[in-house]
Protein backbone atom coordinates (compact mmCIF):
# COMPACT_ATOMS: atom_id res chain seq x y z
CA MET A 1 -13.00 6.53 -2.53
CA ASN A 2 -13.64 5.90 -6.23
CA SER A 3 -10.41 3.89 -6.40
CA GLN A 4 -11.60 1.67 -3.57
CA ARG A 5 -14.95 1.12 -5.30
CA LEU A 6 -13.27 0.13 -8.57
CA ALA A 7 -10.83 -2.15 -6.75
CA ARG A 8 -13.76 -3.97 -5.14
CA GLN A 9 -15.52 -4.12 -8.51
CA LEU A 10 -12.44 -5.62 -10.19
CA ALA A 11 -12.12 -8.21 -7.42
CA ALA A 12 -15.79 -9.13 -7.91
CA ALA A 13 -15.30 -9.47 -11.69
CA VAL A 14 -12.27 -11.74 -11.32
CA THR A 15 -14.14 -13.80 -8.74
CA ALA A 16 -17.09 -14.20 -11.11
CA LEU A 17 -14.79 -15.39 -13.89
CA ALA A 18 -13.12 -17.87 -11.53
CA VAL A 19 -16.55 -19.21 -10.50
CA VAL A 20 -17.49 -19.73 -14.18
CA PHE A 21 -14.31 -21.78 -14.70
CA LEU A 22 -14.94 -23.82 -11.57
CA VAL A 23 -18.55 -24.54 -12.52
CA GLY A 24 -17.45 -25.47 -16.05
CA VAL A 25 -14.86 -27.98 -14.85
CA ILE A 26 -17.21 -29.55 -12.34
CA GLY A 27 -20.04 -29.64 -14.89
CA TYR A 28 -18.04 -31.46 -17.59
CA ILE A 29 -16.71 -33.96 -15.09
CA ALA A 30 -20.23 -34.65 -13.79
CA ILE A 31 -22.03 -34.70 -17.17
CA GLU A 32 -19.46 -36.20 -19.56
CA ARG A 33 -17.35 -38.15 -17.04
CA TRP A 34 -14.19 -36.52 -18.38
CA SER A 35 -10.88 -36.29 -16.55
CA LEU A 36 -9.91 -33.12 -14.70
CA LEU A 37 -7.48 -32.07 -17.45
CA ASP A 38 -10.02 -32.66 -20.26
CA ALA A 39 -12.72 -30.78 -18.32
CA LEU A 40 -10.35 -27.85 -17.65
CA TYR A 41 -9.27 -27.75 -21.30
CA MET A 42 -12.84 -27.80 -22.58
CA THR A 43 -13.86 -25.08 -20.11
CA THR A 44 -10.92 -22.90 -21.18
CA ILE A 45 -11.62 -23.09 -24.92
CA THR A 46 -15.33 -22.61 -24.36
CA VAL A 47 -15.11 -19.61 -22.05
CA GLY A 48 -12.20 -18.18 -24.02
CA GLN A 49 -14.09 -18.46 -27.33
CA VAL A 50 -10.96 -19.74 -29.11
CA GLY A 51 -12.88 -22.08 -31.45
CA PHE A 52 -10.79 -25.23 -30.97
CA GLY A 53 -12.40 -28.63 -31.44
CA GLU A 54 -14.22 -30.42 -28.65
CA VAL A 55 -12.37 -32.88 -26.45
CA GLY A 56 -14.89 -35.58 -27.33
CA PRO A 57 -18.51 -36.10 -28.41
CA LEU A 58 -20.95 -34.15 -26.28
CA SER A 59 -24.23 -35.52 -24.99
CA THR A 60 -27.40 -33.44 -25.23
CA ALA A 61 -26.96 -32.36 -21.63
CA GLY A 62 -23.34 -31.51 -22.37
CA ARG A 63 -24.31 -29.31 -25.32
CA VAL A 64 -26.91 -27.43 -23.29
CA PHE A 65 -24.35 -26.98 -20.52
CA THR A 66 -21.80 -25.68 -23.06
CA ILE A 67 -24.25 -23.08 -24.39
CA ILE A 68 -24.92 -21.83 -20.87
CA LEU A 69 -21.17 -21.80 -20.15
CA ILE A 70 -20.48 -19.72 -23.27
CA PHE A 71 -22.95 -17.01 -22.23
CA ALA A 72 -21.67 -17.03 -18.64
CA GLY A 73 -18.06 -16.80 -19.84
CA VAL A 74 -18.80 -13.93 -22.21
CA GLY A 75 -20.57 -12.06 -19.40
CA ALA A 76 -17.72 -12.61 -16.92
CA PHE A 77 -15.06 -11.56 -19.44
CA ALA A 78 -17.09 -8.46 -20.35
CA PHE A 79 -17.35 -7.56 -16.64
CA VAL A 80 -13.58 -7.87 -16.15
CA LEU A 81 -12.80 -5.95 -19.34
CA ALA A 82 -15.20 -3.12 -18.52
CA THR A 83 -13.73 -2.73 -15.04
CA LEU A 84 -10.16 -2.67 -16.39
CA ILE A 85 -11.10 -0.04 -18.97
CA ASP A 86 -12.74 2.03 -16.24
CA LEU A 87 -9.57 1.82 -14.18
CA LEU A 88 -7.34 2.78 -17.11
CA VAL A 89 -9.51 5.60 -18.42
CA SER A 90 -10.01 7.22 -15.02
CA GLY A 91 -6.35 6.81 -14.06
CA ASN A 92 -7.20 4.87 -10.95
CA ILE A 93 -4.54 2.21 -11.44
CA ARG A 94 -1.99 4.85 -10.62
CA GLY A 95 -4.14 5.86 -7.68
CA LEU A 96 -4.27 2.30 -6.39
CA VAL A 97 -0.48 1.94 -6.67
CA GLU A 98 -0.01 5.27 -4.91
CA ARG A 99 -2.45 4.23 -2.20
CA ARG A 100 -0.51 1.02 -1.53
CA ARG A 101 2.73 3.00 -1.36
CA MET A 102 1.13 5.53 0.96
CA GLU A 103 -0.15 2.78 3.26
CA LYS A 104 3.36 1.32 3.56
CA GLN A 105 4.78 4.74 4.43
CA LEU A 106 2.02 5.37 6.97
CA ALA A 107 2.77 2.05 8.65
CA SER A 108 6.47 2.84 9.07
CA ILE A 109 6.60 6.59 9.80
CA LYS A 110 7.35 7.71 13.36
CA ASP A 111 8.49 10.82 15.28
CA HIS A 112 6.77 12.86 12.58
CA THR A 113 4.64 16.00 12.74
CA ILE A 114 0.94 15.68 11.99
CA VAL A 115 -0.65 18.82 10.53
CA ALA A 116 -4.42 18.73 10.90
CA GLY A 117 -5.93 21.10 8.35
CA ILE A 118 -3.93 22.53 5.45
CA GLY A 119 -5.73 25.77 4.81
CA ARG A 120 -3.96 29.13 4.85
CA VAL A 121 -2.25 28.55 8.21
CA GLY A 122 -1.66 24.84 7.88
CA SER A 123 -0.19 25.11 4.38
CA GLU A 124 2.37 27.62 5.64
CA VAL A 125 3.31 25.24 8.48
CA VAL A 126 3.75 22.42 5.99
CA ARG A 127 5.79 24.60 3.62
CA LEU A 128 8.31 25.36 6.36
CA LEU A 129 8.43 21.74 7.50
CA ALA A 130 9.10 20.66 3.93
CA GLU A 131 11.87 23.25 3.56
CA ALA A 132 13.46 21.95 6.77
CA GLU A 133 13.12 18.35 5.44
CA ALA A 134 11.31 17.40 8.64
CA PRO A 135 9.04 14.31 8.44
CA PHE A 136 5.38 15.31 8.39
CA LEU A 137 1.91 14.16 7.43
CA VAL A 138 -1.19 16.18 6.60
CA ILE A 139 -4.86 15.48 7.34
CA ASP A 140 -7.77 17.20 5.62
CA THR A 141 -11.25 16.53 4.29
CA CYS A 142 -10.85 19.00 1.40
CA GLU A 143 -10.48 17.07 -1.87
CA GLU A 144 -8.66 19.97 -3.50
CA CYS A 145 -6.19 20.19 -0.59
CA ILE A 146 -5.54 16.45 -0.66
CA ALA A 147 -5.07 16.57 -4.45
CA ARG A 148 -2.46 19.29 -3.97
CA ALA A 149 -0.75 17.27 -1.23
CA ARG A 150 -0.70 14.26 -3.54
CA GLU A 151 0.77 16.36 -6.35
CA LEU A 152 3.53 17.69 -4.09
CA GLY A 153 4.29 14.23 -2.74
CA TRP A 154 3.22 14.98 0.82
CA LEU A 155 2.27 12.05 2.99
CA HIS A 156 -1.45 12.48 3.67
CA VAL A 157 -4.61 11.02 5.15
CA GLU A 158 -7.95 12.10 3.74
CA GLY A 159 -10.47 12.37 6.55
CA ASP A 160 -11.76 14.30 9.54
CA ALA A 161 -8.97 14.86 12.07
CA THR A 162 -11.53 15.04 14.90
CA GLU A 163 -12.17 11.32 14.42
CA GLU A 164 -9.89 9.01 16.40
CA GLU A 165 -9.69 6.48 13.57
CA VAL A 166 -8.27 9.15 11.25
CA LEU A 167 -5.68 10.19 13.85
CA LYS A 168 -4.78 6.55 14.35
CA ALA A 169 -4.35 6.13 10.57
CA ALA A 170 -1.99 9.12 10.66
CA GLY A 171 0.16 7.33 13.26
CA VAL A 172 -0.60 9.69 16.13
CA GLU A 173 0.61 7.08 18.64
CA ARG A 174 4.06 7.20 17.00
CA ALA A 175 4.14 10.92 16.17
CA GLY A 176 6.45 13.40 17.84
CA SER A 177 4.25 16.46 17.41
CA LEU A 178 0.88 17.65 16.14
CA VAL A 179 -0.25 21.00 14.78
CA SER A 180 -4.01 21.54 14.72
CA THR A 181 -5.07 24.40 12.42
CA LEU A 182 -8.72 23.54 11.78
CA ASP A 183 -11.33 26.24 11.20
CA THR A 184 -12.98 26.30 14.63
CA ASP A 185 -11.69 26.29 18.19
CA ALA A 186 -14.06 23.43 19.02
CA GLU A 187 -12.53 21.24 16.32
CA ASN A 188 -8.99 22.08 17.44
CA LEU A 189 -9.95 21.30 21.04
CA PHE A 190 -11.41 17.95 20.01
CA VAL A 191 -8.26 17.05 18.07
CA THR A 192 -6.09 18.14 20.99
CA VAL A 193 -7.98 16.08 23.57
CA SER A 194 -8.05 12.99 21.33
CA ALA A 195 -4.37 13.20 20.40
CA ARG A 196 -3.30 13.71 24.02
CA ALA A 197 -5.32 10.66 25.11
CA MET A 198 -3.84 8.51 22.34
CA ASN A 199 -0.26 9.72 22.85
CA PRO A 200 0.55 11.35 26.23
CA ASP A 201 4.06 12.32 25.06
CA ILE A 202 3.14 14.10 21.84
CA PHE A 203 3.90 17.84 21.57
CA ILE A 204 0.75 19.71 20.51
CA VAL A 205 0.46 23.18 19.01
CA ALA A 206 -3.13 24.31 18.50
CA ARG A 207 -4.58 27.28 16.67
CA SER A 208 -7.29 29.41 18.26
CA THR A 209 -9.43 32.06 16.60
CA HIS A 210 -10.36 33.73 19.89
CA GLU A 211 -7.99 34.59 22.72
CA SER A 212 -10.59 33.35 25.21
CA SER A 213 -10.18 29.82 23.81
CA GLU A 214 -6.49 29.58 24.72
CA PRO A 215 -7.02 28.42 28.35
CA LYS A 216 -9.45 25.73 27.20
CA LEU A 217 -7.01 24.39 24.63
CA LEU A 218 -4.20 24.38 27.20
CA ARG A 219 -6.39 22.51 29.69
CA GLY A 220 -7.35 20.11 26.90
CA GLY A 221 -3.72 19.09 26.44
CA ALA A 222 -2.11 21.60 24.07
CA ASP A 223 1.49 22.50 24.86
CA ARG A 224 1.27 25.76 22.93
CA VAL A 225 -1.67 27.78 21.62
CA ILE A 226 -1.31 30.25 18.77
CA THR A 227 -3.87 32.95 18.05
CA PRO A 228 -2.91 34.31 14.60
CA ASN A 229 -4.84 37.59 14.85
CA VAL A 230 -3.25 38.41 18.23
CA ILE A 231 0.26 37.59 17.00
CA GLY A 232 -0.38 39.55 13.81
CA GLY A 233 -1.49 42.57 15.83
CA ARG A 234 1.59 42.40 18.03
CA ARG A 235 3.87 42.15 15.01
CA MET A 236 2.21 45.19 13.41
CA ALA A 237 2.58 47.20 16.61
CA SER A 238 6.20 46.12 16.87
CA MET A 239 6.82 47.28 13.31
CA ILE A 240 5.53 50.73 14.27
CA LEU A 241 7.19 51.02 17.67
CA HIS A 242 10.49 49.23 17.02
CA PRO A 243 10.87 48.78 13.24
CA VAL A 244 14.60 48.06 13.16
CA VAL A 245 14.42 45.47 15.95
CA ALA A 246 11.35 43.83 14.38
CA ASP A 247 12.97 43.67 10.95
CA TYR A 248 16.17 42.21 12.38
CA LEU A 249 14.39 39.52 14.40
CA ASP A 250 12.19 38.66 11.44
CA LEU A 251 15.18 38.30 9.13
CA VAL A 252 17.18 36.26 11.64
CA ALA A 253 14.28 33.91 12.34
CA HIS A 254 12.84 33.55 8.86
CA GLY A 255 14.80 35.51 6.27
CA ASP A 256 16.31 33.82 3.22
CA GLY A 257 19.95 34.45 2.46
CA VAL A 258 20.65 36.00 5.87
CA GLU A 259 24.03 35.16 7.35
CA PHE A 260 22.94 34.83 10.99
CA ARG A 261 20.30 32.35 12.06
CA LEU A 262 18.54 31.41 15.30
CA GLN A 263 18.52 27.69 16.03
CA GLU A 264 17.29 25.50 18.88
CA ILE A 265 19.71 22.79 19.99
CA VAL A 266 19.20 20.04 22.56
CA MET A 267 22.10 19.28 24.89
CA PRO A 268 22.58 15.49 24.57
CA GLU A 269 23.99 12.72 26.68
CA GLY A 270 27.74 12.41 26.28
CA SER A 271 28.30 15.99 25.12
CA GLN A 272 31.74 17.41 25.87
CA PHE A 273 30.02 20.62 26.96
CA ALA A 274 27.76 18.93 29.54
CA ASP A 275 28.30 20.00 33.17
CA MET A 276 30.60 22.82 32.03
CA THR A 277 29.89 26.54 32.33
CA ILE A 278 29.56 28.59 29.16
CA ALA A 279 32.92 30.18 29.96
CA GLU A 280 34.61 26.80 30.58
CA ALA A 281 33.22 25.40 27.34
CA GLY A 282 34.62 28.36 25.41
CA ILE A 283 31.72 28.12 22.96
CA ARG A 284 32.10 31.63 21.57
CA GLU A 285 35.85 31.22 21.12
CA LYS A 286 35.67 27.70 19.64
CA THR A 287 32.60 28.00 17.43
CA GLY A 288 31.73 31.69 17.03
CA ALA A 289 28.12 31.02 18.08
CA TYR A 290 26.24 32.78 20.88
CA ILE A 291 23.92 31.15 23.41
CA LEU A 292 21.06 33.64 23.70
CA ALA A 293 18.73 31.67 25.97
CA ILE A 294 18.44 28.35 27.79
CA ARG A 295 15.24 26.46 28.53
CA ASN A 296 15.69 24.00 31.40
CA GLU A 297 13.88 20.68 31.74
CA ASP A 298 11.70 22.10 34.54
CA GLY A 299 10.33 24.66 32.06
CA SER A 300 12.20 27.70 33.38
CA VAL A 301 13.92 29.92 30.82
CA ASP A 302 17.16 31.83 31.29
CA THR A 303 16.83 34.67 28.78
CA ASN A 304 20.30 36.06 29.44
CA PRO A 305 22.68 33.24 30.43
CA MET A 306 25.87 34.50 32.04
CA PRO A 307 29.37 33.01 31.44
CA ASP A 308 29.11 31.04 34.71
CA THR A 309 25.80 29.39 33.65
CA ARG A 310 26.20 25.61 33.67
CA LEU A 311 25.17 23.54 30.66
CA VAL A 312 23.14 20.45 31.56
CA VAL A 313 21.98 17.45 29.51
CA GLY A 314 18.41 17.96 28.31
CA GLN A 315 18.55 21.74 28.16
CA ARG A 316 17.30 23.46 25.00
CA LEU A 317 19.72 26.13 23.87
CA VAL A 318 18.73 29.04 21.62
CA VAL A 319 21.86 29.68 19.58
CA LEU A 320 22.67 32.58 17.23
CA GLY A 321 25.30 32.23 14.55
CA THR A 322 26.01 31.57 10.92
CA GLN A 323 25.18 28.20 9.46
CA ASP A 324 28.83 27.16 9.74
CA GLN A 325 29.11 28.40 13.32
CA VAL A 326 25.98 26.58 14.42
CA ALA A 327 27.19 23.43 12.62
CA GLU A 328 30.51 23.72 14.45
CA PHE A 329 28.65 24.03 17.75
CA VAL A 330 26.64 20.90 16.92
CA ARG A 331 29.84 18.99 16.17
CA GLY A 332 31.30 20.25 19.45
CA CYS A 333 28.25 18.94 21.26
CA MET A 334 28.87 15.53 19.63
CA ALA A 335 25.29 14.27 19.42
CA CYS A 336 23.41 17.58 19.56
CA LYS A 337 20.36 17.68 17.33
CA LEU A 338 19.57 20.72 15.25
CA ARG A 339 15.88 21.53 15.49
């Protein structure tokens, strides 16, 4: 905000200086009957305080006008100089340049993920998105959070995500997904409803602090609702009841340096595997990867696809394999996208 204020102040200072020049030229032409070039020259050396000789003899009115012009010029130059110093000292020139660059990026970004709120939950979401090199943008009112986002080079919008203008500035109409991790369920509901109205196709994941809020968020337009304390409790119970299974799933899904990974892959148009059964495609034999689950376009999920299960364009396949095996499966699918 300070950068915007100084930018307006600099524009006002330059405008004032331009007005002084214009008045000087018009004044000399009117008082001394000089040509445009002579009037401009005299105005320049007078306002600029360079001390060159006068273009010609000045009348009494001309001398009075020159005195006034000198004071006006000194004031305008001082205004411009003070504003420039303020910009340089406070480092706002860099901020202005960064703001212009940010505005260009905001105008062109699309199919990105908007993360509303970058507190403890939101910052973890952003960290994983950054690691995956997925396009994303963050929104927050916290100056410290925005300063950190700026330092890390994250695309950001400073403002209240519950306001439609802020969502619009974040390109919600062009976004592919939105994660709302604000402090209260009411705020997350407001963001969800607004985003769904502005972009009916956007995929929305909302955070809730109370399990009772989940139905409301789903009715408000969220595709998924996450309640961190409930998930945390389930994970803790799983660690007690089935520690080996929990550790394995955690490592496969999120572990660093683990050979096997779980990936979600979309079956595309033109895939050589489309309309073939898993057995006919020979996926395990050709790529080494396993298809663990299939989510169909109607929302149904096959959690244990059999060899005679048919692969259809638009399905989302949950695939287990090494990075090389999954990459080989993607190549076999031709245009499959790794997600």
